[in-house]
Amino acid sequence: MSTLMKLAIIFLVIIVGIGNTIYVISEVERGVKTRFGEIIEVDISPGLHVKMPFVDVVRRFDARILTVDAEPASFFTIEKKRLIVDSYAKWKIANVEAYYKATNGVERTAANRLAKRVNDGLRNQFGSRTLREVVSGERDLLMKNITEDLNSSVREELGIEIVDIRVKRIDLPSEVSNQVFRRMTAERDKEAQELRSTGKEKAERIRASADRERTIELANAYRDSEELRGEGDAEAASVYADAYQQDPEFYAFIRSLNAYKSAFSNKGDILLVEPDSDFFKYLNNQDAK
């Protein structure tokens, strides 16, 4: 074997030895070091570290917040109404040693066990509440209670911490959905009828008030017009009287002319009157003044 070949083999052994001696834990990882299957170092801090080559084994775990998406499950409310609930949970490793011992460091195992516990917690919480409470009324309180209850157990048993639990959607089974839809339709129809009745009542009230105000306004206007007309007639009569008193003879003459005009307005009119009657006073006496 040539010297160059020996040097290459020695260099390769050194490289492999260094690769199995030095290891790195990143900022987003947590790790444990085992020797012959026994944990000798837990929660290794981020950075560069040294291990015994070919003897020590380093296991790295994701230290970031992870998501477990549970399969939709069927739950019953306190009213015995079945719901199909789709949920998810946010979690992270809290105790590296407990996590490794409980799951052997397998993330899928931890996710499966956590998903089962989340479903059990949701089942208990849904079973103590009504449909309205779980859908809208107490959703935040329900999630908070589940998170607190599960954290009290999974921290110690699984070495993980639940950051948050959320419900993505809540569906009703098809046989229940039709009943709920019919009931909601009936409630909305009833509400619409009540609104229409209230609207008609208000409209009638407004219309009656408008008619009453109209009648009052017309009556007041008629009264004012009659008063103005009476005042005008009185003023006109006063003017006529004053004018008559200033020259009664002229006033009588004007009235006679108007009477002649009215009497002989048509050519076919015939008037039988005594020639010496007062009607012809100004016609018979042209010098009258």
Foldseek 3Di string as FASTA:
>chain_A
DDPVVVVVVVVVVVVVQVVQFKDFDAPQKFKFKDFPNHTDGGRDHGDMGTDHGPGIDMDIAGQDWDKQWADFDWAAALVRFIKTWTKMFIKGAQGGVLQCVQQVRDPVSVSVVVSVLLVVLLNVLRHHHDPCCCVPNPVVVSFVVSQVVVQVPCCRNNRMHIPTMHIPDMGGPPVVVVVVVVVVVVVVVVVVVVVVVVVVVVVVVVVVVVVVVVVVVVVVVVVVVVVVVVVVVVVVVVVVVVVCVVPVVVVVVVVLVVVVCVQPVDPPHDDDDPPPDPSCVCVVDVPDD
